């Protein structure tokens, strides 16, 4: 289950933090999918 908390930076946003083991899984997913999808993105997409 995600842990919910509020940050103000400067606007108020709700952030959901994952357990560390789940973050490992997220990276495992992106390791596989990013090389497939990133080459399809346009040059001028700049986030992450």
ModelCIF file with pLDDT and N, C-alpha, C, O atoms, coordinates in Angstrom:
data_MODEL
#
_entry.id   MODEL 
#
_entity.id                         1 
_entity.type                       polymer 
_entity.pdbx_number_of_molecules   1 
#
_entity_poly.entity_id                      1 
_entity_poly.type                           'polypeptide(L)' 
_entity_poly.nstd_linkage                   no 
_entity_poly.nstd_monomer                   no 
_entity_poly.pdbx_seq_one_letter_code       
;(UNK)(UNK)(UNK)(UNK)(UNK)(UNK)(UNK)(UNK)(UNK)(UNK)(UNK)(UNK)(UNK)(UNK)(UNK)(UNK)
(UNK)(UNK)(UNK)(UNK)(UNK)(UNK)(UNK)(UNK)(UNK)(UNK)(UNK)(UNK)(UNK)(UNK)(UNK)(UNK)
(UNK)(UNK)(UNK)(UNK)(UNK)(UNK)(UNK)(UNK)(UNK)(UNK)(UNK)(UNK)(UNK)(UNK)(UNK)(UNK)
;
_entity_poly.pdbx_seq_one_letter_code_can   XXXXXXXXXXXXXXXXXXXXXXXXXXXXXXXXXXXXXXXXXXXXXXXX 
_entity_poly.pdbx_strand_id                 A 
#
loop_
_entity_poly_seq.entity_id 
_entity_poly_seq.num 
_entity_poly_seq.mon_id 
_entity_poly_seq.hetero 
1 1  UNK n 
1 2  UNK n 
1 3  UNK n 
1 4  UNK n 
1 5  UNK n 
1 6  UNK n 
1 7  UNK n 
1 8  UNK n 
1 9  UNK n 
1 10 UNK n 
1 11 UNK n 
1 12 UNK n 
1 13 UNK n 
1 14 UNK n 
1 15 UNK n 
1 16 UNK n 
1 17 UNK n 
1 18 UNK n 
1 19 UNK n 
1 20 UNK n 
1 21 UNK n 
1 22 UNK n 
1 23 UNK n 
1 24 UNK n 
1 25 UNK n 
1 26 UNK n 
1 27 UNK n 
1 28 UNK n 
1 29 UNK n 
1 30 UNK n 
1 31 UNK n 
1 32 UNK n 
1 33 UNK n 
1 34 UNK n 
1 35 UNK n 
1 36 UNK n 
1 37 UNK n 
1 38 UNK n 
1 39 UNK n 
1 40 UNK n 
1 41 UNK n 
1 42 UNK n 
1 43 UNK n 
1 44 UNK n 
1 45 UNK n 
1 46 UNK n 
1 47 UNK n 
1 48 UNK n 
#
_struct_asym.id          A 
_struct_asym.entity_id   1 
#
loop_
_ma_qa_metric.id 
_ma_qa_metric.mode 
_ma_qa_metric.name 
_ma_qa_metric.software_group_id 
_ma_qa_metric.type 
1 global pLDDT . pLDDT 
2 local  pLDDT . pLDDT 
#
_ma_qa_metric_global.metric_id      1 
_ma_qa_metric_global.metric_value   89.40 
_ma_qa_metric_global.model_id       1 
_ma_qa_metric_global.ordinal_id     1 
#
loop_
_ma_qa_metric_local.label_asym_id 
_ma_qa_metric_local.label_comp_id 
_ma_qa_metric_local.label_seq_id 
_ma_qa_metric_local.metric_id 
_ma_qa_metric_local.metric_value 
_ma_qa_metric_local.model_id 
_ma_qa_metric_local.ordinal_id 
A UNK 1  2 92.00 1 1  
A UNK 2  2 87.00 1 2  
A UNK 3  2 86.00 1 3  
A UNK 4  2 81.00 1 4  
A UNK 5  2 77.00 1 5  
A UNK 6  2 76.00 1 6  
A UNK 7  2 71.00 1 7  
A UNK 8  2 65.00 1 8  
A UNK 9  2 61.00 1 9  
A UNK 10 2 56.00 1 10 
A UNK 11 2 65.00 1 11 
A UNK 12 2 70.00 1 12 
A UNK 13 2 72.00 1 13 
A UNK 14 2 76.00 1 14 
A UNK 15 2 78.00 1 15 
A UNK 16 2 80.00 1 16 
A UNK 17 2 85.00 1 17 
A UNK 18 2 92.00 1 18 
A UNK 19 2 93.00 1 19 
A UNK 20 2 96.00 1 20 
A UNK 21 2 97.00 1 21 
A UNK 22 2 97.00 1 22 
A UNK 23 2 97.00 1 23 
A UNK 24 2 98.00 1 24 
A UNK 25 2 98.00 1 25 
A UNK 26 2 98.00 1 26 
A UNK 27 2 98.00 1 27 
A UNK 28 2 98.00 1 28 
A UNK 29 2 98.00 1 29 
A UNK 30 2 98.00 1 30 
A UNK 31 2 98.00 1 31 
A UNK 32 2 98.00 1 32 
A UNK 33 2 98.00 1 33 
A UNK 34 2 98.00 1 34 
A UNK 35 2 97.00 1 35 
A UNK 36 2 98.00 1 36 
A UNK 37 2 98.00 1 37 
A UNK 38 2 98.00 1 38 
A UNK 39 2 97.00 1 39 
A UNK 40 2 97.00 1 40 
A UNK 41 2 98.00 1 41 
A UNK 42 2 98.00 1 42 
A UNK 43 2 98.00 1 43 
A UNK 44 2 98.00 1 44 
A UNK 45 2 98.00 1 45 
A UNK 46 2 98.00 1 46 
A UNK 47 2 96.00 1 47 
A UNK 48 2 94.00 1 48 
#
loop_
_atom_site.group_PDB 
_atom_site.id 
_atom_site.type_symbol 
_atom_site.label_atom_id 
_atom_site.label_alt_id 
_atom_site.label_comp_id 
_atom_site.label_asym_id 
_atom_site.label_entity_id 
_atom_site.label_seq_id 
_atom_site.pdbx_PDB_ins_code 
_atom_site.Cartn_x 
_atom_site.Cartn_y 
_atom_site.Cartn_z 
_atom_site.occupancy 
_atom_site.B_iso_or_equiv 
_atom_site.pdbx_formal_charge 
_atom_site.auth_seq_id 
_atom_site.auth_comp_id 
_atom_site.auth_asym_id 
_atom_site.auth_atom_id 
_atom_site.pdbx_PDB_model_num 
ATOM 1   N N  . UNK A 1 1  ? 0.841  -1.186 0.000   1.00 92.00 ? 1  UNK A N  1 
ATOM 2   C CA . UNK A 1 1  ? 0.000  0.000  0.000   1.00 92.00 ? 1  UNK A CA 1 
ATOM 3   C C  . UNK A 1 1  ? 0.884  1.246  0.000   1.00 92.00 ? 1  UNK A C  1 
ATOM 4   O O  . UNK A 1 1  ? 1.885  1.302  0.714   1.00 92.00 ? 1  UNK A O  1 
ATOM 5   N N  . UNK A 1 2  ? 0.518  2.229  -0.789  1.00 87.00 ? 2  UNK A N  1 
ATOM 6   C CA . UNK A 1 2  ? 1.284  3.471  -0.892  1.00 87.00 ? 2  UNK A CA 1 
ATOM 7   C C  . UNK A 1 2  ? 1.094  4.327  0.360   1.00 87.00 ? 2  UNK A C  1 
ATOM 8   O O  . UNK A 1 2  ? 0.009  4.372  0.940   1.00 87.00 ? 2  UNK A O  1 
ATOM 9   N N  . UNK A 1 3  ? 2.171  5.004  0.763   1.00 86.00 ? 3  UNK A N  1 
ATOM 10  C CA . UNK A 1 3  ? 2.080  5.943  1.874   1.00 86.00 ? 3  UNK A CA 1 
ATOM 11  C C  . UNK A 1 3  ? 1.852  7.344  1.327   1.00 86.00 ? 3  UNK A C  1 
ATOM 12  O O  . UNK A 1 3  ? 2.590  7.811  0.459   1.00 86.00 ? 3  UNK A O  1 
ATOM 13  N N  . UNK A 1 4  ? 0.835  8.002  1.835   1.00 81.00 ? 4  UNK A N  1 
ATOM 14  C CA . UNK A 1 4  ? 0.426  9.307  1.309   1.00 81.00 ? 4  UNK A CA 1 
ATOM 15  C C  . UNK A 1 4  ? 0.925  10.429 2.213   1.00 81.00 ? 4  UNK A C  1 
ATOM 16  O O  . UNK A 1 4  ? 0.792  10.358 3.434   1.00 81.00 ? 4  UNK A O  1 
ATOM 17  N N  . UNK A 1 5  ? 1.510  11.482 1.595   1.00 77.00 ? 5  UNK A N  1 
ATOM 18  C CA . UNK A 1 5  ? 1.881  12.656 2.371   1.00 77.00 ? 5  UNK A CA 1 
ATOM 19  C C  . UNK A 1 5  ? 1.814  13.900 1.484   1.00 77.00 ? 5  UNK A C  1 
ATOM 20  O O  . UNK A 1 5  ? 1.788  13.803 0.257   1.00 77.00 ? 5  UNK A O  1 
ATOM 21  N N  . UNK A 1 6  ? 1.787  15.060 2.125   1.00 76.00 ? 6  UNK A N  1 
ATOM 22  C CA . UNK A 1 6  ? 1.609  16.332 1.432   1.00 76.00 ? 6  UNK A CA 1 
ATOM 23  C C  . UNK A 1 6  ? 2.931  17.094 1.407   1.00 76.00 ? 6  UNK A C  1 
ATOM 24  O O  . UNK A 1 6  ? 3.644  17.146 2.409   1.00 76.00 ? 6  UNK A O  1 
ATOM 25  N N  . UNK A 1 7  ? 3.253  17.687 0.253   1.00 71.00 ? 7  UNK A N  1 
ATOM 26  C CA . UNK A 1 7  ? 4.408  18.588 0.164   1.00 71.00 ? 7  UNK A CA 1 
ATOM 27  C C  . UNK A 1 7  ? 3.923  19.924 -0.403  1.00 71.00 ? 7  UNK A C  1 
ATOM 28  O O  . UNK A 1 7  ? 2.938  19.986 -1.138  1.00 71.00 ? 7  UNK A O  1 
ATOM 29  N N  . UNK A 1 8  ? 4.635  20.980 -0.044  1.00 65.00 ? 8  UNK A N  1 
ATOM 30  C CA . UNK A 1 8  ? 4.329  22.323 -0.556  1.00 65.00 ? 8  UNK A CA 1 
ATOM 31  C C  . UNK A 1 8  ? 5.604  22.876 -1.167  1.00 65.00 ? 8  UNK A C  1 
ATOM 32  O O  . UNK A 1 8  ? 6.498  23.315 -0.443  1.00 65.00 ? 8  UNK A O  1 
ATOM 33  N N  . UNK A 1 9  ? 5.700  22.861 -2.501  1.00 61.00 ? 9  UNK A N  1 
ATOM 34  C CA . UNK A 1 9  ? 6.989  23.114 -3.153  1.00 61.00 ? 9  UNK A CA 1 
ATOM 35  C C  . UNK A 1 9  ? 6.854  23.848 -4.491  1.00 61.00 ? 9  UNK A C  1 
ATOM 36  O O  . UNK A 1 9  ? 7.255  23.259 -5.495  1.00 61.00 ? 9  UNK A O  1 
ATOM 37  N N  . UNK A 1 10 ? 6.326  25.084 -4.609  1.00 56.00 ? 10 UNK A N  1 
ATOM 38  C CA . UNK A 1 10 ? 5.646  25.838 -3.570  1.00 56.00 ? 10 UNK A CA 1 
ATOM 39  C C  . UNK A 1 10 ? 4.151  25.504 -3.496  1.00 56.00 ? 10 UNK A C  1 
ATOM 40  O O  . UNK A 1 10 ? 3.497  25.794 -2.494  1.00 56.00 ? 10 UNK A O  1 
ATOM 41  N N  . UNK A 1 11 ? 3.609  24.886 -4.571  1.00 65.00 ? 11 UNK A N  1 
ATOM 42  C CA . UNK A 1 11 ? 2.196  24.560 -4.527  1.00 65.00 ? 11 UNK A CA 1 
ATOM 43  C C  . UNK A 1 11 ? 1.992  23.235 -3.795  1.00 65.00 ? 11 UNK A C  1 
ATOM 44  O O  . UNK A 1 11 ? 2.896  22.401 -3.731  1.00 65.00 ? 11 UNK A O  1 
ATOM 45  N N  . UNK A 1 12 ? 0.807  23.058 -3.253  1.00 70.00 ? 12 UNK A N  1 
ATOM 46  C CA . UNK A 1 12 ? 0.501  21.857 -2.483  1.00 70.00 ? 12 UNK A CA 1 
ATOM 47  C C  . UNK A 1 12 ? 0.286  20.672 -3.421  1.00 70.00 ? 12 UNK A C  1 
ATOM 48  O O  . UNK A 1 12 ? -0.492 20.749 -4.372  1.00 70.00 ? 12 UNK A O  1 
ATOM 49  N N  . UNK A 1 13 ? 0.991  19.570 -3.134  1.00 72.00 ? 13 UNK A N  1 
ATOM 50  C CA . UNK A 1 13 ? 0.855  18.360 -3.940  1.00 72.00 ? 13 UNK A CA 1 
ATOM 51  C C  . UNK A 1 13 ? 0.777  17.149 -3.017  1.00 72.00 ? 13 UNK A C  1 
ATOM 52  O O  . UNK A 1 13 ? 1.359  17.133 -1.933  1.00 72.00 ? 13 UNK A O  1 
ATOM 53  N N  . UNK A 1 14 ? 0.054  16.148 -3.469  1.00 76.00 ? 14 UNK A N  1 
ATOM 54  C CA . UNK A 1 14 ? -0.026 14.897 -2.722  1.00 76.00 ? 14 UNK A CA 1 
ATOM 55  C C  . UNK A 1 14 ? 0.924  13.882 -3.351  1.00 76.00 ? 14 UNK A C  1 
ATOM 56  O O  . UNK A 1 14 ? 0.789  13.536 -4.524  1.00 76.00 ? 14 UNK A O  1 
ATOM 57  N N  . UNK A 1 15 ? 1.884  13.410 -2.558  1.00 78.00 ? 15 UNK A N  1 
ATOM 58  C CA . UNK A 1 15 ? 2.873  12.444 -3.021  1.00 78.00 ? 15 UNK A CA 1 
ATOM 59  C C  . UNK A 1 15 ? 2.555  11.080 -2.414  1.00 78.00 ? 15 UNK A C  1 
ATOM 60  O O  . UNK A 1 15 ? 2.158  10.989 -1.252  1.00 78.00 ? 15 UNK A O  1 
ATOM 61  N N  . UNK A 1 16 ? 2.727  10.032 -3.193  1.00 80.00 ? 16 UNK A N  1 
ATOM 62  C CA . UNK A 1 16 ? 2.506  8.674  -2.703  1.00 80.00 ? 16 UNK A CA 1 
ATOM 63  C C  . UNK A 1 16 ? 3.830  7.914  -2.775  1.00 80.00 ? 16 UNK A C  1 
ATOM 64  O O  . UNK A 1 16 ? 4.360  7.669  -3.858  1.00 80.00 ? 16 UNK A O  1 
ATOM 65  N N  . UNK A 1 17 ? 4.356  7.546  -1.602  1.00 85.00 ? 17 UNK A N  1 
ATOM 66  C CA . UNK A 1 17 ? 5.644  6.847  -1.529  1.00 85.00 ? 17 UNK A CA 1 
ATOM 67  C C  . UNK A 1 17 ? 5.435  5.342  -1.503  1.00 85.00 ? 17 UNK A C  1 
ATOM 68  O O  . UNK A 1 17 ? 4.535  4.834  -0.833  1.00 85.00 ? 17 UNK A O  1 
ATOM 69  N N  . UNK A 1 18 ? 6.274  4.647  -2.237  1.00 92.00 ? 18 UNK A N  1 
ATOM 70  C CA . UNK A 1 18 ? 6.199  3.184  -2.309  1.00 92.00 ? 18 UNK A CA 1 
ATOM 71  C C  . UNK A 1 18 ? 7.225  2.540  -1.386  1.00 92.00 ? 18 UNK A C  1 
ATOM 72  O O  . UNK A 1 18 ? 8.243  3.149  -1.058  1.00 92.00 ? 18 UNK A O  1 
ATOM 73  N N  . UNK A 1 19 ? 6.958  1.320  -0.975  1.00 93.00 ? 19 UNK A N  1 
ATOM 74  C CA . UNK A 1 19 ? 7.941  0.531  -0.234  1.00 93.00 ? 19 UNK A CA 1 
ATOM 75  C C  . UNK A 1 19 ? 9.160  0.324  -1.130  1.00 93.00 ? 19 UNK A C  1 
ATOM 76  O O  . UNK A 1 19 ? 9.038  0.287  -2.354  1.00 93.00 ? 19 UNK A O  1 
ATOM 77  N N  . UNK A 1 20 ? 10.330 0.188  -0.517  1.00 96.00 ? 20 UNK A N  1 
ATOM 78  C CA . UNK A 1 20 ? 11.565 0.100  -1.296  1.00 96.00 ? 20 UNK A CA 1 
ATOM 79  C C  . UNK A 1 20 ? 11.563 -1.103 -2.246  1.00 96.00 ? 20 UNK A C  1 
ATOM 80  O O  . UNK A 1 20 ? 12.032 -0.986 -3.378  1.00 96.00 ? 20 UNK A O  1 
ATOM 81  N N  . UNK A 1 21 ? 11.047 -2.248 -1.811  1.00 97.00 ? 21 UNK A N  1 
ATOM 82  C CA . UNK A 1 21 ? 11.031 -3.433 -2.676  1.00 97.00 ? 21 UNK A CA 1 
ATOM 83  C C  . UNK A 1 21 ? 10.193 -3.177 -3.932  1.00 97.00 ? 21 UNK A C  1 
ATOM 84  O O  . UNK A 1 21 ? 10.491 -3.706 -5.003  1.00 97.00 ? 21 UNK A O  1 
ATOM 85  N N  . UNK A 1 22 ? 9.144  -2.363 -3.792  1.00 97.00 ? 22 UNK A N  1 
ATOM 86  C CA . UNK A 1 22 ? 8.325  -2.026 -4.954  1.00 97.00 ? 22 UNK A CA 1 
ATOM 87  C C  . UNK A 1 22 ? 9.072  -1.084 -5.897  1.00 97.00 ? 22 UNK A C  1 
ATOM 88  O O  . UNK A 1 22 ? 8.899  -1.150 -7.114  1.00 97.00 ? 22 UNK A O  1 
ATOM 89  N N  . UNK A 1 23 ? 9.898  -0.210 -5.333  1.00 97.00 ? 23 UNK A N  1 
ATOM 90  C CA . UNK A 1 23 ? 10.707 0.665  -6.180  1.00 97.00 ? 23 UNK A CA 1 
ATOM 91  C C  . UNK A 1 23 ? 11.703 -0.143 -7.013  1.00 97.00 ? 23 UNK A C  1 
ATOM 92  O O  . UNK A 1 23 ? 12.010 0.216  -8.149  1.00 97.00 ? 23 UNK A O  1 
ATOM 93  N N  . UNK A 1 24 ? 12.193 -1.217 -6.444  1.00 98.00 ? 24 UNK A N  1 
ATOM 94  C CA . UNK A 1 24 ? 13.080 -2.114 -7.203  1.00 98.00 ? 24 UNK A CA 1 
ATOM 95  C C  . UNK A 1 24 ? 12.319 -2.687 -8.400  1.00 98.00 ? 24 UNK A C  1 
ATOM 96  O O  . UNK A 1 24 ? 12.860 -2.766 -9.503  1.00 98.00 ? 24 UNK A O  1 
ATOM 97  N N  . UNK A 1 25 ? 11.073 -3.082 -8.181  1.00 98.00 ? 25 UNK A N  1 
ATOM 98  C CA . UNK A 1 25 ? 10.251 -3.616 -9.272  1.00 98.00 ? 25 UNK A CA 1 
ATOM 99  C C  . UNK A 1 25 ? 10.005 -2.544 -10.331 1.00 98.00 ? 25 UNK A C  1 
ATOM 100 O O  . UNK A 1 25 ? 10.041 -2.833 -11.527 1.00 98.00 ? 25 UNK A O  1 
ATOM 101 N N  . UNK A 1 26 ? 9.753  -1.307 -9.896  1.00 98.00 ? 26 UNK A N  1 
ATOM 102 C CA . UNK A 1 26 ? 9.529  -0.223 -10.863 1.00 98.00 ? 26 UNK A CA 1 
ATOM 103 C C  . UNK A 1 26 ? 10.750 -0.063 -11.773 1.00 98.00 ? 26 UNK A C  1 
ATOM 104 O O  . UNK A 1 26 ? 10.614 0.076  -12.989 1.00 98.00 ? 26 UNK A O  1 
ATOM 105 N N  . UNK A 1 27 ? 11.925 -0.085 -11.178 1.00 98.00 ? 27 UNK A N  1 
ATOM 106 C CA . UNK A 1 27 ? 13.142 0.042  -11.988 1.00 98.00 ? 27 UNK A CA 1 
ATOM 107 C C  . UNK A 1 27 ? 13.305 -1.163 -12.910 1.00 98.00 ? 27 UNK A C  1 
ATOM 108 O O  . UNK A 1 27 ? 13.769 -1.029 -14.042 1.00 98.00 ? 27 UNK A O  1 
ATOM 109 N N  . UNK A 1 28 ? 12.922 -2.339 -12.419 1.00 98.00 ? 28 UNK A N  1 
ATOM 110 C CA . UNK A 1 28 ? 13.002 -3.537 -13.262 1.00 98.00 ? 28 UNK A CA 1 
ATOM 111 C C  . UNK A 1 28 ? 12.113 -3.398 -14.497 1.00 98.00 ? 28 UNK A C  1 
ATOM 112 O O  . UNK A 1 28 ? 12.499 -3.800 -15.594 1.00 98.00 ? 28 UNK A O  1 
ATOM 113 N N  . UNK A 1 29 ? 10.929 -2.831 -14.316 1.00 98.00 ? 29 UNK A N  1 
ATOM 114 C CA . UNK A 1 29 ? 10.006 -2.611 -15.439 1.00 98.00 ? 29 UNK A CA 1 
ATOM 115 C C  . UNK A 1 29 ? 10.596 -1.609 -16.423 1.00 98.00 ? 29 UNK A C  1 
ATOM 116 O O  . UNK A 1 29 ? 10.631 -1.854 -17.629 1.00 98.00 ? 29 UNK A O  1 
ATOM 117 N N  . UNK A 1 30 ? 11.061 -0.478 -15.893 1.00 98.00 ? 30 UNK A N  1 
ATOM 118 C CA . UNK A 1 30 ? 11.584 0.585  -16.758 1.00 98.00 ? 30 UNK A CA 1 
ATOM 119 C C  . UNK A 1 30 ? 12.860 0.140  -17.467 1.00 98.00 ? 30 UNK A C  1 
ATOM 120 O O  . UNK A 1 30 ? 13.102 0.541  -18.605 1.00 98.00 ? 30 UNK A O  1 
ATOM 121 N N  . UNK A 1 31 ? 13.673 -0.678 -16.814 1.00 98.00 ? 31 UNK A N  1 
ATOM 122 C CA . UNK A 1 31 ? 14.876 -1.220 -17.472 1.00 98.00 ? 31 UNK A CA 1 
ATOM 123 C C  . UNK A 1 31 ? 14.535 -1.926 -18.780 1.00 98.00 ? 31 UNK A C  1 
ATOM 124 O O  . UNK A 1 31 ? 15.286 -1.853 -19.753 1.00 98.00 ? 31 UNK A O  1 
ATOM 125 N N  . UNK A 1 32 ? 13.406 -2.602 -18.790 1.00 98.00 ? 32 UNK A N  1 
ATOM 126 C CA . UNK A 1 32 ? 12.991 -3.377 -19.971 1.00 98.00 ? 32 UNK A CA 1 
ATOM 127 C C  . UNK A 1 32 ? 12.258 -2.516 -20.993 1.00 98.00 ? 32 UNK A C  1 
ATOM 128 O O  . UNK A 1 32 ? 12.487 -2.640 -22.196 1.00 98.00 ? 32 UNK A O  1 
ATOM 129 N N  . UNK A 1 33 ? 11.366 -1.634 -20.506 1.00 98.00 ? 33 UNK A N  1 
ATOM 130 C CA . UNK A 1 33 ? 10.494 -0.890 -21.426 1.00 98.00 ? 33 UNK A CA 1 
ATOM 131 C C  . UNK A 1 33 ? 11.118 0.393  -21.975 1.00 98.00 ? 33 UNK A C  1 
ATOM 132 O O  . UNK A 1 33 ? 10.816 0.800  -23.097 1.00 98.00 ? 33 UNK A O  1 
ATOM 133 N N  . UNK A 1 34 ? 11.980 1.026  -21.195 1.00 98.00 ? 34 UNK A N  1 
ATOM 134 C CA . UNK A 1 34 ? 12.537 2.309  -21.644 1.00 98.00 ? 34 UNK A CA 1 
ATOM 135 C C  . UNK A 1 34 ? 13.312 2.195  -22.958 1.00 98.00 ? 34 UNK A C  1 
ATOM 136 O O  . UNK A 1 34 ? 13.136 3.053  -23.824 1.00 98.00 ? 34 UNK A O  1 
ATOM 137 N N  . UNK A 1 35 ? 14.158 1.181  -23.151 1.00 97.00 ? 35 UNK A N  1 
ATOM 138 C CA . UNK A 1 35 ? 14.868 1.082  -24.443 1.00 97.00 ? 35 UNK A CA 1 
ATOM 139 C C  . UNK A 1 35 ? 13.932 0.878  -25.637 1.00 97.00 ? 35 UNK A C  1 
ATOM 140 O O  . UNK A 1 35 ? 14.307 1.144  -26.778 1.00 97.00 ? 35 UNK A O  1 
ATOM 141 N N  . UNK A 1 36 ? 12.721 0.408  -25.368 1.00 98.00 ? 36 UNK A N  1 
ATOM 142 C CA . UNK A 1 36 ? 11.747 0.189  -26.442 1.00 98.00 ? 36 UNK A CA 1 
ATOM 143 C C  . UNK A 1 36 ? 10.997 1.468  -26.771 1.00 98.00 ? 36 UNK A C  1 
ATOM 144 O O  . UNK A 1 36 ? 10.805 1.795  -27.942 1.00 98.00 ? 36 UNK A O  1 
ATOM 145 N N  . UNK A 1 37 ? 10.568 2.200  -25.736 1.00 98.00 ? 37 UNK A N  1 
ATOM 146 C CA . UNK A 1 37 ? 9.717  3.367  -25.952 1.00 98.00 ? 37 UNK A CA 1 
ATOM 147 C C  . UNK A 1 37 ? 10.482 4.669  -26.151 1.00 98.00 ? 37 UNK A C  1 
ATOM 148 O O  . UNK A 1 37 ? 10.064 5.516  -26.940 1.00 98.00 ? 37 UNK A O  1 
ATOM 149 N N  . UNK A 1 38 ? 11.595 4.839  -25.445 1.00 98.00 ? 38 UNK A N  1 
ATOM 150 C CA . UNK A 1 38 ? 12.276 6.132  -25.510 1.00 98.00 ? 38 UNK A CA 1 
ATOM 151 C C  . UNK A 1 38 ? 12.672 6.541  -26.933 1.00 98.00 ? 38 UNK A C  1 
ATOM 152 O O  . UNK A 1 38 ? 12.549 7.717  -27.276 1.00 98.00 ? 38 UNK A O  1 
ATOM 153 N N  . UNK A 1 39 ? 13.144 5.610  -27.773 1.00 97.00 ? 39 UNK A N  1 
ATOM 154 C CA . UNK A 1 39 ? 13.482 6.017  -29.149 1.00 97.00 ? 39 UNK A CA 1 
ATOM 155 C C  . UNK A 1 39 ? 12.281 6.525  -29.949 1.00 97.00 ? 39 UNK A C  1 
ATOM 156 O O  . UNK A 1 39 ? 12.461 7.188  -30.971 1.00 97.00 ? 39 UNK A O  1 
ATOM 157 N N  . UNK A 1 40 ? 11.060 6.223  -29.499 1.00 97.00 ? 40 UNK A N  1 
ATOM 158 C CA . UNK A 1 40 ? 9.864  6.693  -30.205 1.00 97.00 ? 40 UNK A CA 1 
ATOM 159 C C  . UNK A 1 40 ? 9.452  8.089  -29.760 1.00 97.00 ? 40 UNK A C  1 
ATOM 160 O O  . UNK A 1 40 ? 8.606  8.717  -30.397 1.00 97.00 ? 40 UNK A O  1 
ATOM 161 N N  . UNK A 1 41 ? 10.052 8.590  -28.655 1.00 98.00 ? 41 UNK A N  1 
ATOM 162 C CA . UNK A 1 41 ? 9.689  9.912  -28.148 1.00 98.00 ? 41 UNK A CA 1 
ATOM 163 C C  . UNK A 1 41 ? 10.317 11.001 -29.017 1.00 98.00 ? 41 UNK A C  1 
ATOM 164 O O  . UNK A 1 41 ? 11.365 10.788 -29.626 1.00 98.00 ? 41 UNK A O  1 
ATOM 165 N N  . UNK A 1 42 ? 9.680  12.154 -29.069 1.00 98.00 ? 42 UNK A N  1 
ATOM 166 C CA . UNK A 1 42 ? 10.234 13.276 -29.828 1.00 98.00 ? 42 UNK A CA 1 
ATOM 167 C C  . UNK A 1 42 ? 11.452 13.856 -29.101 1.00 98.00 ? 42 UNK A C  1 
ATOM 168 O O  . UNK A 1 42 ? 11.624 13.650 -27.900 1.00 98.00 ? 42 UNK A O  1 
ATOM 169 N N  . UNK A 1 43 ? 12.269 14.563 -29.824 1.00 98.00 ? 43 UNK A N  1 
ATOM 170 C CA . UNK A 1 43 ? 13.478 15.162 -29.236 1.00 98.00 ? 43 UNK A CA 1 
ATOM 171 C C  . UNK A 1 43 ? 13.125 16.131 -28.113 1.00 98.00 ? 43 UNK A C  1 
ATOM 172 O O  . UNK A 1 43 ? 13.832 16.197 -27.107 1.00 98.00 ? 43 UNK A O  1 
ATOM 173 N N  . UNK A 1 44 ? 12.047 16.875 -28.274 1.00 98.00 ? 44 UNK A N  1 
ATOM 174 C CA . UNK A 1 44 ? 11.733 17.961 -27.348 1.00 98.00 ? 44 UNK A CA 1 
ATOM 175 C C  . UNK A 1 44 ? 10.766 17.572 -26.224 1.00 98.00 ? 44 UNK A C  1 
ATOM 176 O O  . UNK A 1 44 ? 9.972  18.393 -25.766 1.00 98.00 ? 44 UNK A O  1 
ATOM 177 N N  . UNK A 1 45 ? 10.843 16.327 -25.792 1.00 98.00 ? 45 UNK A N  1 
ATOM 178 C CA . UNK A 1 45 ? 10.211 15.867 -24.554 1.00 98.00 ? 45 UNK A CA 1 
ATOM 179 C C  . UNK A 1 45 ? 11.338 15.765 -23.529 1.00 98.00 ? 45 UNK A C  1 
ATOM 180 O O  . UNK A 1 45 ? 12.270 14.983 -23.714 1.00 98.00 ? 45 UNK A O  1 
ATOM 181 N N  . UNK A 1 46 ? 11.264 16.559 -22.432 1.00 98.00 ? 46 UNK A N  1 
ATOM 182 C CA . UNK A 1 46 ? 12.454 16.760 -21.598 1.00 98.00 ? 46 UNK A CA 1 
ATOM 183 C C  . UNK A 1 46 ? 12.369 16.202 -20.184 1.00 98.00 ? 46 UNK A C  1 
ATOM 184 O O  . UNK A 1 46 ? 13.354 16.286 -19.451 1.00 98.00 ? 46 UNK A O  1 
ATOM 185 N N  . UNK A 1 47 ? 11.259 15.646 -19.775 1.00 96.00 ? 47 UNK A N  1 
ATOM 186 C CA . UNK A 1 47 ? 11.134 15.178 -18.384 1.00 96.00 ? 47 UNK A CA 1 
ATOM 187 C C  . UNK A 1 47 ? 11.517 13.709 -18.262 1.00 96.00 ? 47 UNK A C  1 
ATOM 188 O O  . UNK A 1 47 ? 11.168 12.892 -19.114 1.00 96.00 ? 47 UNK A O  1 
ATOM 189 N N  . UNK A 1 48 ? 12.244 13.380 -17.187 1.00 94.00 ? 48 UNK A N  1 
ATOM 190 C CA . UNK A 1 48 ? 12.540 11.985 -16.821 1.00 94.00 ? 48 UNK A CA 1 
ATOM 191 C C  . UNK A 1 48 ? 13.169 11.195 -17.967 1.00 94.00 ? 48 UNK A C  1 
ATOM 192 O O  . UNK A 1 48 ? 13.472 10.012 -17.809 1.00 94.00 ? 48 UNK A O  1 
#
